[in-house]
C-alpha atoms as a PDB file:
ATOM      1  CA  UNK A   1       0.000   0.000   0.000  1.00  0.00           C
ATOM      2  CA  UNK A   2       1.211   3.464  -0.824  1.00  0.00           C
ATOM      3  CA  UNK A   3       2.761   5.500   1.967  1.00  0.00           C
ATOM      4  CA  UNK A   4       0.883   8.601   0.803  1.00  0.00           C
ATOM      5  CA  UNK A   5      -2.322   7.319   2.388  1.00  0.00           C
ATOM      6  CA  UNK A   6      -3.419   9.594   5.226  1.00  0.00           C
ATOM      7  CA  UNK A   7      -5.564   8.379   8.113  1.00  0.00           C
ATOM      8  CA  UNK A   8      -7.354  11.125  10.008  1.00  0.00           C
ATOM      9  CA  UNK A   9     -10.536  12.058  11.810  1.00  0.00           C
ATOM     10  CA  UNK A  10     -13.459  12.443   9.435  1.00  0.00           C
ATOM     11  CA  UNK A  11     -14.642  15.931   8.574  1.00  0.00           C
ATOM     12  CA  UNK A  12     -18.098  16.999   7.501  1.00  0.00           C
ATOM     13  CA  UNK A  13     -16.671  17.584   4.015  1.00  0.00           C
ATOM     14  CA  UNK A  14     -16.073  13.784   3.832  1.00  0.00           C
ATOM     15  CA  UNK A  15     -19.760  13.021   4.245  1.00  0.00           C
ATOM     16  CA  UNK A  16     -20.520  12.815   0.513  1.00  0.00           C
ATOM     17  CA  UNK A  17     -17.839  10.159  -0.004  1.00  0.00           C
ATOM     18  CA  UNK A  18     -18.752   8.298   3.210  1.00  0.00           C
ATOM     19  CA  UNK A  19     -22.389   8.122   2.074  1.00  0.00           C
ATOM     20  CA  UNK A  20     -21.325   6.902  -1.372  1.00  0.00           C
ATOM     21  CA  UNK A  21     -19.207   4.168   0.237  1.00  0.00           C
ATOM     22  CA  UNK A  22     -22.042   3.139   2.548  1.00  0.00           C
ATOM     23  CA  UNK A  23     -24.476   3.044  -0.363  1.00  0.00           C
ATOM     24  CA  UNK A  24     -22.179   0.699  -2.256  1.00  0.00           C
ATOM     25  CA  UNK A  25     -22.327  -1.749   0.662  1.00  0.00           C
ATOM     26  CA  UNK A  26     -26.069  -1.253   1.170  1.00  0.00           C
ATOM     27  CA  UNK A  27     -26.949  -1.825  -2.480  1.00  0.00           C
ATOM     28  CA  UNK A  28     -24.440  -4.512  -3.457  1.00  0.00           C
ATOM     29  CA  UNK A  29     -23.678  -6.561  -0.332  1.00  0.00           C
ATOM     30  CA  UNK A  30     -25.126  -7.799   2.924  1.00  0.00           C
ATOM     31  CA  UNK A  31     -22.286  -6.229   4.926  1.00  0.00           C
ATOM     32  CA  UNK A  32     -24.601  -3.406   6.063  1.00  0.00           C
ATOM     33  CA  UNK A  33     -28.030  -4.325   7.319  1.00  0.00           C
ATOM     34  CA  UNK A  34     -29.508  -1.034   6.172  1.00  0.00           C
ATOM     35  CA  UNK A  35     -31.882  -1.727   3.300  1.00  0.00           C
ATOM     36  CA  UNK A  36     -32.409   1.751   1.817  1.00  0.00           C
ATOM     37  CA  UNK A  37     -29.734   3.979   0.280  1.00  0.00           C
ATOM     38  CA  UNK A  38     -28.534   6.795   2.522  1.00  0.00           C
ATOM     39  CA  UNK A  39     -28.649  10.527   1.843  1.00  0.00           C
ATOM     40  CA  UNK A  40     -26.236  13.158   3.070  1.00  0.00           C
ATOM     41  CA  UNK A  41     -29.042  14.826   5.021  1.00  0.00           C
ATOM     42  CA  UNK A  42     -30.094  11.513   6.572  1.00  0.00           C
ATOM     43  CA  UNK A  43     -26.538  10.580   7.481  1.00  0.00           C
ATOM     44  CA  UNK A  44     -25.691  13.976   9.027  1.00  0.00           C
ATOM     45  CA  UNK A  45     -27.217  13.115  12.426  1.00  0.00           C
ATOM     46  CA  UNK A  46     -25.227   9.855  12.458  1.00  0.00           C
ATOM     47  CA  UNK A  47     -22.050  11.766  11.564  1.00  0.00           C
ATOM     48  CA  UNK A  48     -22.608  14.311  14.338  1.00  0.00           C
ATOM     49  CA  UNK A  49     -22.345  11.490  16.930  1.00  0.00           C
ATOM     50  CA  UNK A  50     -18.618  11.096  16.270  1.00  0.00           C
ATOM     51  CA  UNK A  51     -15.542  13.113  17.042  1.00  0.00           C
ATOM     52  CA  UNK A  52     -14.634  12.849  20.707  1.00  0.00           C
ATOM     53  CA  UNK A  53     -14.494  10.292  23.493  1.00  0.00           C
ATOM     54  CA  UNK A  54     -15.354   6.686  22.705  1.00  0.00           C
ATOM     55  CA  UNK A  55     -17.123   7.333  19.418  1.00  0.00           C
ATOM     56  CA  UNK A  56     -14.684   8.072  16.630  1.00  0.00           C
ATOM     57  CA  UNK A  57     -14.882   8.073  12.855  1.00  0.00           C
ATOM     58  CA  UNK A  58     -11.638   7.840  10.907  1.00  0.00           C
ATOM     59  CA  UNK A  59     -11.084   7.963   7.173  1.00  0.00           C
ATOM     60  CA  UNK A  60      -8.233   6.877   4.957  1.00  0.00           C
ATOM     61  CA  UNK A  61      -7.565   8.976   1.891  1.00  0.00           C
ATOM     62  CA  UNK A  62      -5.041   9.563  -0.816  1.00  0.00           C
ATOM     63  CA  UNK A  63      -4.912  11.887  -3.803  1.00  0.00           C
ATOM     64  CA  UNK A  64      -7.770   9.956  -5.449  1.00  0.00           C
ATOM     65  CA  UNK A  65     -10.170  10.495  -2.531  1.00  0.00           C
ATOM     66  CA  UNK A  66     -11.655   8.482   0.307  1.00  0.00           C
ATOM     67  CA  UNK A  67     -10.363   4.903   0.471  1.00  0.00           C
ATOM     68  CA  UNK A  68     -12.300   3.725   3.507  1.00  0.00           C
ATOM     69  CA  UNK A  69     -13.516   4.467   6.989  1.00  0.00           C
ATOM     70  CA  UNK A  70     -13.516   2.838  10.414  1.00  0.00           C
ATOM     71  CA  UNK A  71     -15.572   3.858  13.393  1.00  0.00           C
ATOM     72  CA  UNK A  72     -16.535   3.005  16.944  1.00  0.00           C
ATOM     73  CA  UNK A  73     -20.177   3.355  17.913  1.00  0.00           C
ATOM     74  CA  UNK A  74     -22.340   2.966  20.978  1.00  0.00           C
ATOM     75  CA  UNK A  75     -23.011  -0.746  21.448  1.00  0.00           C
ATOM     76  CA  UNK A  76     -26.235  -0.542  23.468  1.00  0.00           C
ATOM     77  CA  UNK A  77     -28.060   2.491  24.868  1.00  0.00           C
ATOM     78  CA  UNK A  78     -27.781   1.611  28.564  1.00  0.00           C
ATOM     79  CA  UNK A  79     -25.055   2.739  30.991  1.00  0.00           C
ATOM     80  CA  UNK A  80     -23.979  -0.842  31.739  1.00  0.00           C
ATOM     81  CA  UNK A  81     -22.531  -0.987  28.212  1.00  0.00           C
ATOM     82  CA  UNK A  82     -20.859   2.442  28.200  1.00  0.00           C
ATOM     83  CA  UNK A  83     -17.329   0.987  28.145  1.00  0.00           C
ATOM     84  CA  UNK A  84     -18.145  -1.292  25.187  1.00  0.00           C
ATOM     85  CA  UNK A  85     -18.063  -0.021  21.609  1.00  0.00           C
ATOM     86  CA  UNK A  86     -19.035  -1.634  18.344  1.00  0.00           C
ATOM     87  CA  UNK A  87     -16.501  -1.154  15.575  1.00  0.00           C
ATOM     88  CA  UNK A  88     -17.135  -1.097  11.838  1.00  0.00           C
ATOM     89  CA  UNK A  89     -14.836  -0.805   8.863  1.00  0.00           C
ATOM     90  CA  UNK A  90     -15.600  -0.309   5.180  1.00  0.00           C
ATOM     91  CA  UNK A  91     -13.089  -0.012   2.345  1.00  0.00           C
ATOM     92  CA  UNK A  92     -13.467   0.866  -1.305  1.00  0.00           C
ATOM     93  CA  UNK A  93     -13.795  -2.507  -3.076  1.00  0.00           C
ATOM     94  CA  UNK A  94     -10.548  -2.017  -5.012  1.00  0.00           C
ATOM     95  CA  UNK A  95      -8.627  -1.215  -1.810  1.00  0.00           C
ATOM     96  CA  UNK A  96      -9.261  -4.450   0.068  1.00  0.00           C
ATOM     97  CA  UNK A  97      -6.467  -6.916   0.742  1.00  0.00           C
ATOM     98  CA  UNK A  98      -3.577  -4.434   0.731  1.00  0.00           C
ATOM     99  CA  UNK A  99      -3.250  -3.744   4.473  1.00  0.00           C
ATOM    100  CA  UNK A 100      -5.394  -0.608   4.591  1.00  0.00           C
ATOM    101  CA  UNK A 101      -7.992  -2.164   6.893  1.00  0.00           C
ATOM    102  CA  UNK A 102      -5.328  -3.141   9.414  1.00  0.00           C
ATOM    103  CA  UNK A 103      -3.871   0.385   9.312  1.00  0.00           C
ATOM    104  CA  UNK A 104      -7.293   1.978   9.824  1.00  0.00           C
ATOM    105  CA  UNK A 105      -8.123  -0.332  12.737  1.00  0.00           C
ATOM    106  CA  UNK A 106      -4.678   0.275  14.303  1.00  0.00           C
ATOM    107  CA  UNK A 107      -5.276   4.032  14.201  1.00  0.00           C
ATOM    108  CA  UNK A 108      -8.749   3.643  15.691  1.00  0.00           C
ATOM    109  CA  UNK A 109      -7.508   1.432  18.535  1.00  0.00           C
ATOM    110  CA  UNK A 110      -4.623   3.818  19.279  1.00  0.00           C
ATOM    111  CA  UNK A 111      -7.308   6.415  20.030  1.00  0.00           C
ATOM    112  CA  UNK A 112      -9.660   4.060  21.883  1.00  0.00           C
ATOM    113  CA  UNK A 113      -6.909   2.918  24.265  1.00  0.00           C
ATOM    114  CA  UNK A 114      -6.806   6.509  25.594  1.00  0.00           C
ATOM    115  CA  UNK A 115     -10.565   6.535  26.259  1.00  0.00           C
ATOM    116  CA  UNK A 116     -12.748   4.732  28.776  1.00  0.00           C
ATOM    117  CA  UNK A 117     -13.220   1.730  26.484  1.00  0.00           C
ATOM    118  CA  UNK A 118     -12.889  -1.767  27.882  1.00  0.00           C
ATOM    119  CA  UNK A 119     -14.145  -3.919  25.001  1.00  0.00           C
ATOM    120  CA  UNK A 120     -14.759  -3.582  21.268  1.00  0.00           C
ATOM    121  CA  UNK A 121     -17.161  -5.878  19.458  1.00  0.00           C
ATOM    122  CA  UNK A 122     -17.713  -6.304  15.735  1.00  0.00           C
ATOM    123  CA  UNK A 123     -20.346  -8.215  13.800  1.00  0.00           C
ATOM    124  CA  UNK A 124     -19.408  -9.538  10.364  1.00  0.00           C
ATOM    125  CA  UNK A 125     -22.182 -10.589   7.987  1.00  0.00           C
ATOM    126  CA  UNK A 126     -21.397 -14.001   6.530  1.00  0.00           C
ATOM    127  CA  UNK A 127     -19.935 -15.202   4.323  1.00  0.00           C
ATOM    128  CA  UNK A 128     -17.014 -12.760   4.455  1.00  0.00           C
ATOM    129  CA  UNK A 129     -13.674 -14.546   4.775  1.00  0.00           C
ATOM    130  CA  UNK A 130     -11.696 -11.333   4.175  1.00  0.00           C
ATOM    131  CA  UNK A 131     -13.365  -9.434   7.015  1.00  0.00           C
ATOM    132  CA  UNK A 132     -13.126 -12.435   9.328  1.00  0.00           C
ATOM    133  CA  UNK A 133      -9.384 -12.608   8.605  1.00  0.00           C
ATOM    134  CA  UNK A 134      -8.958  -8.853   9.107  1.00  0.00           C
ATOM    135  CA  UNK A 135     -10.594  -8.970  12.543  1.00  0.00           C
ATOM    136  CA  UNK A 136      -8.468 -11.920  13.640  1.00  0.00           C
ATOM    137  CA  UNK A 137      -5.310 -10.219  12.300  1.00  0.00           C
ATOM    138  CA  UNK A 138      -6.192  -7.098  14.314  1.00  0.00           C
ATOM    139  CA  UNK A 139      -6.421  -8.993  17.601  1.00  0.00           C
ATOM    140  CA  UNK A 140     -10.124  -9.772  17.784  1.00  0.00           C
ATOM    141  CA  UNK A 141     -11.257 -13.218  18.858  1.00  0.00           C
ATOM    142  CA  UNK A 142     -14.299 -14.947  17.431  1.00  0.00           C
ATOM    143  CA  UNK A 143     -17.064 -15.405  19.995  1.00  0.00           C
ATOM    144  CA  UNK A 144     -19.892 -16.938  17.979  1.00  0.00           C
ATOM    145  CA  UNK A 145     -22.321 -16.724  15.097  1.00  0.00           C
ATOM    146  CA  UNK A 146     -25.942 -15.676  15.086  1.00  0.00           C
ATOM    147  CA  UNK A 147     -27.474 -17.843  12.373  1.00  0.00           C
ATOM    148  CA  UNK A 148     -30.022 -16.279  10.023  1.00  0.00           C
ATOM    149  CA  UNK A 149     -30.829 -13.476  12.461  1.00  0.00           C
ATOM    150  CA  UNK A 150     -31.401 -10.718   9.915  1.00  0.00           C
ATOM    151  CA  UNK A 151     -33.117 -10.583   6.561  1.00  0.00           C
ATOM    152  CA  UNK A 152     -32.318  -8.232   3.716  1.00  0.00           C
ATOM    153  CA  UNK A 153     -34.632  -8.675   0.777  1.00  0.00           C
ATOM    154  CA  UNK A 154     -35.260 -12.393   0.576  1.00  0.00           C
ATOM    155  CA  UNK A 155     -31.892 -13.395   2.008  1.00  0.00           C
ATOM    156  CA  UNK A 156     -31.344 -14.523   5.586  1.00  0.00           C
ATOM    157  CA  UNK A 157     -28.046 -13.260   6.953  1.00  0.00           C
ATOM    158  CA  UNK A 158     -25.858 -14.823   9.613  1.00  0.00           C
ATOM    159  CA  UNK A 159     -23.337 -12.728  11.493  1.00  0.00           C
ATOM    160  CA  UNK A 160     -20.169 -13.819  13.246  1.00  0.00           C
ATOM    161  CA  UNK A 161     -19.233 -11.712  16.251  1.00  0.00           C
ATOM    162  CA  UNK A 162     -15.741 -10.833  17.345  1.00  0.00           C
ATOM    163  CA  UNK A 163     -14.433  -9.075  20.450  1.00  0.00           C
ATOM    164  CA  UNK A 164     -11.203  -7.359  21.428  1.00  0.00           C
ATOM    165  CA  UNK A 165     -10.123  -6.146  24.837  1.00  0.00           C
ATOM    166  CA  UNK A 166      -9.096  -2.510  24.587  1.00  0.00           C
ATOM    167  CA  UNK A 167      -8.276  -1.382  28.111  1.00  0.00           C
END
């Protein structure tokens, strides 16, 4: 992977490219459980939830534009889960398999280790051998699979869950 890839906190000016990336995964894969394409206006509230503390949104970019994003989100809306985050990572399809995902996750976890985060969890829609391998490479351990627990269109989706101690 080129060394001129920058990883940084997302800015509002990135929202157009983040939405386009999300819409690729919504429309062409089962990796996102959202069923309708996103809009910039609809995604703005989501975006505003990131930036400080446990909930971060990072992007990777080069001279061609946004290459991917990784983020940590609230896992469940009750105080008992405050020190647990759910992580997600999405890369441009032509940027997978070159180490970018590992770099993005490393940058995210460097930040999370300085916050009150004890555990990160990640759900990977199956089948997805590349994402499974990425999570294991980045220090996650597999904890189990929910079989056919979501449906997108007429397809039942299973999801394998991973966890990583952060603190």
